[in-house]
Amino acid sequence: MPQSPINTLFTILPPSDVQTVADSLYRDESPPIVLMGHSMGGAIAVHVAAKLTIPSLIGLAVIDVVEGTAMDSLGANHAFLNNRPSSFRSLEHAIEWSIRSGQLRNVQSARVSVPGQVMKSNGVGSDSVISPDESVDSERHSKATSRVSLLTTPPIAEEGEGSGGGRDDEEVRRDKDDHESVSKSEIKELYVWRIDLAKTDPFWRGWFSGLTQLFLSCPLPKILILAGVDRLDKEMTIAHMQGKFQMQVLSGCGHAVHEDVPDKVAEIVAGYLVRHRFSEAKEDFKSLFPGLKFP
């Protein structure tokens, strides 16, 4: 990886909040910043970059979100939320579900990211946040890994192809029922989703509408990382052919590209930083872009 003082803000907040975080982190002097976001976070990163409110912003990286396919998949998002379990008997079950459902393909990534998406609930409406020690307990996670690693991960559907990661709705519903088959009254503690994504439904269309024009209008070096070339709509295809942004397509992964193949995404981002001279490469750095020489 290249050596660089650049900070990469991975966007998971509304645009105004991203600005607030940047201001709070760097009150005196802000270092060069590259905004990076995945899916909905990618849309937010584009909105922030287009506003040009972060003076030290030098680059924009977006992972697997394009306006056309995002708008087309809004209906599938509803089906996905309706079919996923509302609670899990244990942290291990939550990790297992993320793999079985096709949401993630990388067990190690699931062990890192899933604990942050759920929290303990005593079953009577009083939720408590998982402590860091509970989230990374090695013994419990090793059990989860041994169980999950034996599963055969189903293919993940492209955006707009359905809600079950390539499986039919009936199979997804059966999997949901399996995880919710134990009565909540029989379990002292359950794991529930930390964020109710259904409450964000009214804002989905606004986040993605007009995204292409905003992305292309950003006067910054831009890179788009996709899980499949078929995700690219016509307008973005033309813009890419005109050299308006850099694009990298990774095969063999699902929508959560950065979790399914984190090493490849890291290498791509490193190459992007070096290519635009945002960072200096180490002697052993190898570019993923054949024929492209770095100074």
Protein backbone atom coordinates (compact mmCIF):
# COMPACT_ATOMS: atom_id res chain seq x y z
CA MET A 1 0.00 0.00 0.00
CA PRO A 2 1.21 3.53 -0.67
CA GLN A 3 2.36 5.88 2.05
CA SER A 4 0.12 8.91 2.38
CA PRO A 5 -1.14 11.52 4.86
CA ILE A 6 -4.50 11.43 3.10
CA ASN A 7 -7.56 10.64 5.18
CA THR A 8 -10.30 8.57 3.59
CA LEU A 9 -13.73 9.25 5.07
CA PHE A 10 -15.93 6.22 4.39
CA THR A 11 -19.35 7.80 4.14
CA ILE A 12 -22.24 6.45 6.20
CA LEU A 13 -23.75 9.78 7.26
CA PRO A 14 -26.06 12.37 5.68
CA PRO A 15 -24.18 15.11 3.75
CA SER A 16 -24.48 17.75 6.47
CA ASP A 17 -23.25 15.28 9.10
CA VAL A 18 -20.23 14.37 6.96
CA GLN A 19 -19.33 18.05 6.85
CA THR A 20 -19.72 18.27 10.63
CA VAL A 21 -17.50 15.23 11.19
CA ALA A 22 -14.79 16.65 8.93
CA ASP A 23 -14.93 20.00 10.73
CA SER A 24 -14.78 18.30 14.14
CA LEU A 25 -11.86 16.06 13.23
CA TYR A 26 -9.78 18.80 11.67
CA ARG A 27 -10.55 22.06 13.44
CA ASP A 28 -7.29 23.79 12.64
CA GLU A 29 -5.86 22.35 9.45
CA SER A 30 -7.57 19.68 7.37
CA PRO A 31 -5.38 17.17 5.49
CA PRO A 32 -6.19 16.15 1.92
CA ILE A 33 -9.40 14.10 2.03
CA VAL A 34 -10.78 11.47 -0.33
CA LEU A 35 -14.45 10.65 0.21
CA MET A 36 -15.39 7.01 -0.25
CA GLY A 37 -18.85 5.49 0.03
CA HIS A 38 -20.61 2.21 -0.74
CA SER A 39 -24.15 1.95 -2.12
CA MET A 40 -26.29 4.46 -0.20
CA GLY A 41 -23.09 5.79 1.37
CA GLY A 42 -21.72 6.27 -2.12
CA ALA A 43 -24.72 8.42 -3.01
CA ILE A 44 -24.12 10.53 0.09
CA ALA A 45 -20.42 10.86 -0.78
CA VAL A 46 -21.39 12.17 -4.23
CA HIS A 47 -23.80 14.73 -2.72
CA VAL A 48 -21.11 15.94 -0.31
CA ALA A 49 -18.47 16.18 -3.04
CA ALA A 50 -20.82 18.06 -5.36
CA LYS A 51 -21.42 20.74 -2.71
CA LEU A 52 -17.66 21.47 -2.48
CA THR A 53 -18.04 22.38 1.18
CA ILE A 54 -14.92 20.50 2.32
CA PRO A 55 -12.01 22.72 1.22
CA SER A 56 -9.39 19.96 1.37
CA LEU A 57 -11.43 17.40 -0.62
CA ILE A 58 -9.26 16.05 -3.44
CA GLY A 59 -10.95 12.85 -4.61
CA LEU A 60 -14.13 10.76 -4.75
CA ALA A 61 -14.44 6.97 -4.69
CA VAL A 62 -17.83 5.29 -5.10
CA ILE A 63 -18.48 1.58 -4.66
CA ASP A 64 -21.26 -0.24 -6.52
CA VAL A 65 -23.93 2.40 -6.92
CA VAL A 66 -25.20 3.85 -10.20
CA GLU A 67 -28.37 5.89 -10.50
CA GLY A 68 -30.08 3.77 -13.14
CA THR A 69 -29.69 0.39 -11.45
CA ALA A 70 -30.24 1.88 -7.99
CA MET A 71 -33.58 3.38 -9.00
CA ASP A 72 -34.61 0.13 -10.69
CA SER A 73 -33.83 -1.88 -7.56
CA LEU A 74 -35.92 0.16 -5.10
CA GLY A 75 -38.76 -2.37 -5.30
CA ALA A 76 -36.38 -5.23 -4.56
CA ASN A 77 -35.13 -3.35 -1.51
CA HIS A 78 -38.63 -3.44 -0.03
CA ALA A 79 -38.84 -7.20 -0.58
CA PHE A 80 -35.41 -7.68 0.98
CA LEU A 81 -36.36 -5.81 4.16
CA ASN A 82 -39.65 -7.71 4.41
CA ASN A 83 -37.94 -11.08 4.05
CA ARG A 84 -35.01 -10.65 6.40
CA PRO A 85 -35.35 -11.85 10.03
CA SER A 86 -36.26 -9.21 12.59
CA SER A 87 -34.19 -10.90 15.31
CA PHE A 88 -31.58 -13.60 15.90
CA ARG A 89 -31.07 -16.07 18.71
CA SER A 90 -27.37 -15.27 18.93
CA LEU A 91 -24.62 -13.28 17.30
CA GLU A 92 -23.52 -16.47 15.55
CA HIS A 93 -26.97 -16.85 13.97
CA ALA A 94 -26.80 -13.27 12.67
CA ILE A 95 -23.40 -13.93 11.08
CA GLU A 96 -24.62 -17.22 9.66
CA TRP A 97 -27.69 -15.57 8.15
CA SER A 98 -25.58 -12.91 6.42
CA ILE A 99 -23.73 -15.69 4.59
CA ARG A 100 -26.66 -18.04 3.96
CA SER A 101 -28.80 -15.23 2.57
CA GLY A 102 -26.07 -14.18 0.15
CA GLN A 103 -25.66 -10.70 1.61
CA LEU A 104 -21.97 -11.42 2.18
CA ARG A 105 -19.61 -14.00 0.72
CA ASN A 106 -16.65 -13.46 3.01
CA VAL A 107 -17.01 -15.08 6.44
CA GLN A 108 -14.17 -13.06 7.95
CA SER A 109 -15.80 -9.83 6.81
CA ALA A 110 -19.14 -10.97 8.23
CA ARG A 111 -17.53 -11.58 11.61
CA VAL A 112 -16.27 -7.99 11.59
CA SER A 113 -19.25 -6.11 10.17
CA VAL A 114 -22.35 -7.98 11.37
CA PRO A 115 -21.80 -7.40 15.13
CA GLY A 116 -21.95 -3.66 14.52
CA GLN A 117 -25.30 -3.97 12.76
CA VAL A 118 -27.15 -5.68 15.63
CA MET A 119 -27.65 -5.11 19.34
CA LYS A 120 -28.95 -7.06 22.28
CA SER A 121 -32.59 -6.85 23.25
CA ASN A 122 -34.21 -8.29 26.36
CA GLY A 123 -37.38 -8.99 24.40
CA VAL A 124 -39.55 -6.36 26.07
CA GLY A 125 -38.51 -3.35 24.06
CA SER A 126 -35.45 -2.30 26.05
CA ASP A 127 -32.44 -2.59 23.76
CA SER A 128 -28.83 -2.42 24.81
CA VAL A 129 -25.78 -1.85 22.66
CA ILE A 130 -23.26 -4.67 22.32
CA SER A 131 -20.06 -3.85 24.14
CA PRO A 132 -16.76 -4.05 22.21
CA ASP A 133 -15.73 -7.12 24.21
CA GLU A 134 -18.94 -8.93 23.33
CA SER A 135 -18.67 -7.99 19.66
CA VAL A 136 -15.22 -9.49 19.19
CA ASP A 137 -15.28 -12.40 21.63
CA SER A 138 -12.83 -14.81 19.99
CA GLU A 139 -14.35 -18.04 21.31
CA ARG A 140 -17.88 -17.18 20.17
CA HIS A 141 -16.66 -15.95 16.80
CA SER A 142 -14.54 -19.04 16.24
CA LYS A 143 -17.65 -21.15 16.79
CA ALA A 144 -19.57 -18.98 14.36
CA THR A 145 -16.79 -19.28 11.79
CA SER A 146 -16.59 -23.06 12.05
CA ARG A 147 -20.33 -23.25 11.53
CA VAL A 148 -20.60 -20.69 8.75
CA SER A 149 -17.53 -21.82 6.82
CA LEU A 150 -19.23 -25.14 6.05
CA LEU A 151 -22.10 -23.42 4.29
CA THR A 152 -22.35 -23.18 0.54
CA THR A 153 -22.92 -19.54 -0.28
CA PRO A 154 -25.66 -19.00 -2.89
CA PRO A 155 -25.03 -16.67 -5.82
CA ILE A 156 -25.85 -13.05 -5.16
CA ALA A 157 -28.42 -11.40 -7.38
CA GLU A 158 -27.55 -8.32 -9.35
CA GLU A 159 -29.29 -5.13 -8.28
CA GLY A 160 -32.93 -5.25 -9.23
CA GLU A 161 -33.03 -9.03 -9.71
CA GLY A 162 -34.78 -9.82 -6.47
CA SER A 163 -34.28 -9.74 -2.76
CA GLY A 164 -32.80 -13.06 -1.86
CA GLY A 165 -29.28 -13.09 -3.22
CA GLY A 166 -30.19 -15.26 -6.20
CA ARG A 167 -32.67 -17.48 -4.34
CA ASP A 168 -36.41 -17.53 -4.83
CA ASP A 169 -38.70 -15.74 -2.38
CA GLU A 170 -39.99 -18.97 -0.86
CA GLU A 171 -36.48 -20.11 0.05
CA VAL A 172 -35.71 -16.72 1.58
CA ARG A 173 -38.89 -16.86 3.65
CA ARG A 174 -38.01 -20.35 4.90
CA ASP A 175 -34.59 -19.11 5.96
CA LYS A 176 -36.21 -16.17 7.74
CA ASP A 177 -38.60 -18.53 9.55
CA ASP A 178 -35.70 -20.77 10.61
CA HIS A 179 -34.03 -17.89 12.39
CA GLU A 180 -37.25 -16.71 14.02
CA SER A 181 -38.65 -20.15 14.87
CA VAL A 182 -37.81 -19.88 18.57
CA SER A 183 -40.33 -17.85 20.53
CA LYS A 184 -38.94 -14.63 21.98
CA SER A 185 -40.39 -15.64 25.34
CA GLU A 186 -38.11 -18.69 25.35
CA ILE A 187 -34.96 -16.59 25.04
CA LYS A 188 -33.79 -14.06 27.59
CA GLU A 189 -31.80 -12.07 25.06
CA LEU A 190 -32.18 -11.62 21.33
CA TYR A 191 -30.14 -9.74 18.79
CA VAL A 192 -32.12 -7.21 16.78
CA TRP A 193 -31.13 -4.79 14.04
CA ARG A 194 -29.52 -1.64 15.40
CA ILE A 195 -31.09 0.54 12.68
CA ASP A 196 -34.61 0.22 11.29
CA LEU A 197 -33.88 0.68 7.59
CA ALA A 198 -37.58 0.71 6.75
CA LYS A 199 -37.80 4.17 8.33
CA THR A 200 -35.45 5.51 5.65
CA ASP A 201 -37.79 4.35 2.87
CA PRO A 202 -39.24 7.84 2.15
CA PHE A 203 -35.75 9.13 1.37
CA TRP A 204 -34.45 6.38 -0.92
CA ARG A 205 -35.55 7.92 -4.20
CA GLY A 206 -34.17 11.33 -3.26
CA TRP A 207 -30.74 9.89 -2.45
CA PHE A 208 -30.36 8.25 -5.86
CA SER A 209 -32.31 10.55 -8.18
CA GLY A 210 -29.97 12.74 -10.22
CA LEU A 211 -26.92 10.89 -8.92
CA THR A 212 -25.31 10.48 -12.35
CA GLN A 213 -25.22 14.19 -13.11
CA LEU A 214 -23.96 15.00 -9.62
CA PHE A 215 -21.19 12.41 -9.91
CA LEU A 216 -20.06 13.59 -13.34
CA SER A 217 -20.21 17.25 -12.31
CA CYS A 218 -17.81 16.81 -9.40
CA PRO A 219 -14.55 18.54 -10.44
CA LEU A 220 -12.44 15.88 -8.75
CA PRO A 221 -10.58 12.73 -9.82
CA LYS A 222 -13.26 10.05 -9.53
CA ILE A 223 -13.23 6.27 -9.38
CA LEU A 224 -16.19 3.91 -9.57
CA ILE A 225 -15.75 0.33 -8.34
CA LEU A 226 -18.46 -2.09 -9.48
CA ALA A 227 -19.37 -5.72 -8.85
CA GLY A 228 -20.47 -6.16 -12.46
CA VAL A 229 -20.30 -4.18 -15.70
CA ASP A 230 -24.04 -4.66 -16.22
CA ARG A 231 -24.62 -2.27 -13.32
CA LEU A 232 -23.48 0.62 -15.51
CA ASP A 233 -26.35 2.53 -17.13
CA LYS A 234 -26.17 4.15 -20.58
CA GLU A 235 -25.24 7.66 -19.45
CA MET A 236 -22.43 6.42 -17.22
CA THR A 237 -21.18 4.08 -19.95
CA ILE A 238 -20.84 6.99 -22.37
CA ALA A 239 -19.15 9.14 -19.72
CA HIS A 240 -16.65 6.40 -18.96
CA MET A 241 -15.83 6.00 -22.65
CA GLN A 242 -15.16 9.74 -22.71
CA GLY A 243 -12.67 9.34 -19.86
CA LYS A 244 -14.64 11.34 -17.31
CA PHE A 245 -13.93 8.89 -14.50
CA GLN A 246 -11.90 5.80 -13.71
CA MET A 247 -13.77 2.50 -13.37
CA GLN A 248 -12.80 -0.90 -12.05
CA VAL A 249 -15.04 -3.98 -12.26
CA LEU A 250 -14.51 -6.89 -9.88
CA SER A 251 -16.02 -10.28 -10.63
CA GLY A 252 -16.93 -13.04 -8.22
CA CYS A 253 -18.35 -10.77 -5.55
CA GLY A 254 -21.72 -9.39 -4.53
CA HIS A 255 -23.01 -5.91 -3.84
CA ALA A 256 -20.86 -5.60 -0.69
CA VAL A 257 -17.74 -5.47 -2.83
CA HIS A 258 -15.48 -4.02 -0.14
CA GLU A 259 -16.45 -6.81 2.25
CA ASP A 260 -16.39 -9.72 -0.20
CA VAL A 261 -12.97 -8.85 -1.67
CA PRO A 262 -11.42 -6.26 0.67
CA ASP A 263 -7.85 -6.89 -0.47
CA LYS A 264 -8.69 -6.19 -4.11
CA VAL A 265 -10.61 -3.04 -3.24
CA ALA A 266 -7.68 -1.84 -1.12
CA GLU A 267 -5.30 -2.43 -4.03
CA ILE A 268 -7.57 -0.55 -6.43
CA VAL A 269 -7.87 2.42 -4.08
CA ALA A 270 -4.10 2.41 -3.54
CA GLY A 271 -3.56 2.47 -7.31
CA TYR A 272 -6.04 5.34 -7.63
CA LEU A 273 -4.21 7.36 -4.97
CA VAL A 274 -0.84 6.79 -6.61
CA ARG A 275 -2.13 7.40 -10.12
CA HIS A 276 -3.34 10.88 -9.20
CA ARG A 277 -0.23 11.57 -7.12
CA PHE A 278 -2.21 11.78 -3.91
CA SER A 279 0.27 9.35 -2.41
CA GLU A 280 3.72 7.92 -2.97
CA ALA A 281 4.10 4.23 -3.68
CA LYS A 282 6.39 1.96 -1.73
CA GLU A 283 9.11 0.18 -3.65
CA ASP A 284 7.19 -3.11 -3.64
CA PHE A 285 3.90 -1.54 -4.77
CA LYS A 286 2.45 -3.24 -7.85
CA SER A 287 -0.13 -1.46 -9.95
CA LEU A 288 -3.36 -3.19 -10.95
CA PHE A 289 -3.42 -1.08 -14.11
CA PRO A 290 -1.16 -2.70 -16.74
CA GLY A 291 0.84 -0.27 -18.83
CA LEU A 292 0.22 2.66 -16.49
CA LYS A 293 3.47 4.08 -15.15
CA PHE A 294 3.62 6.05 -11.95
CA PRO A 295 6.22 8.75 -11.35
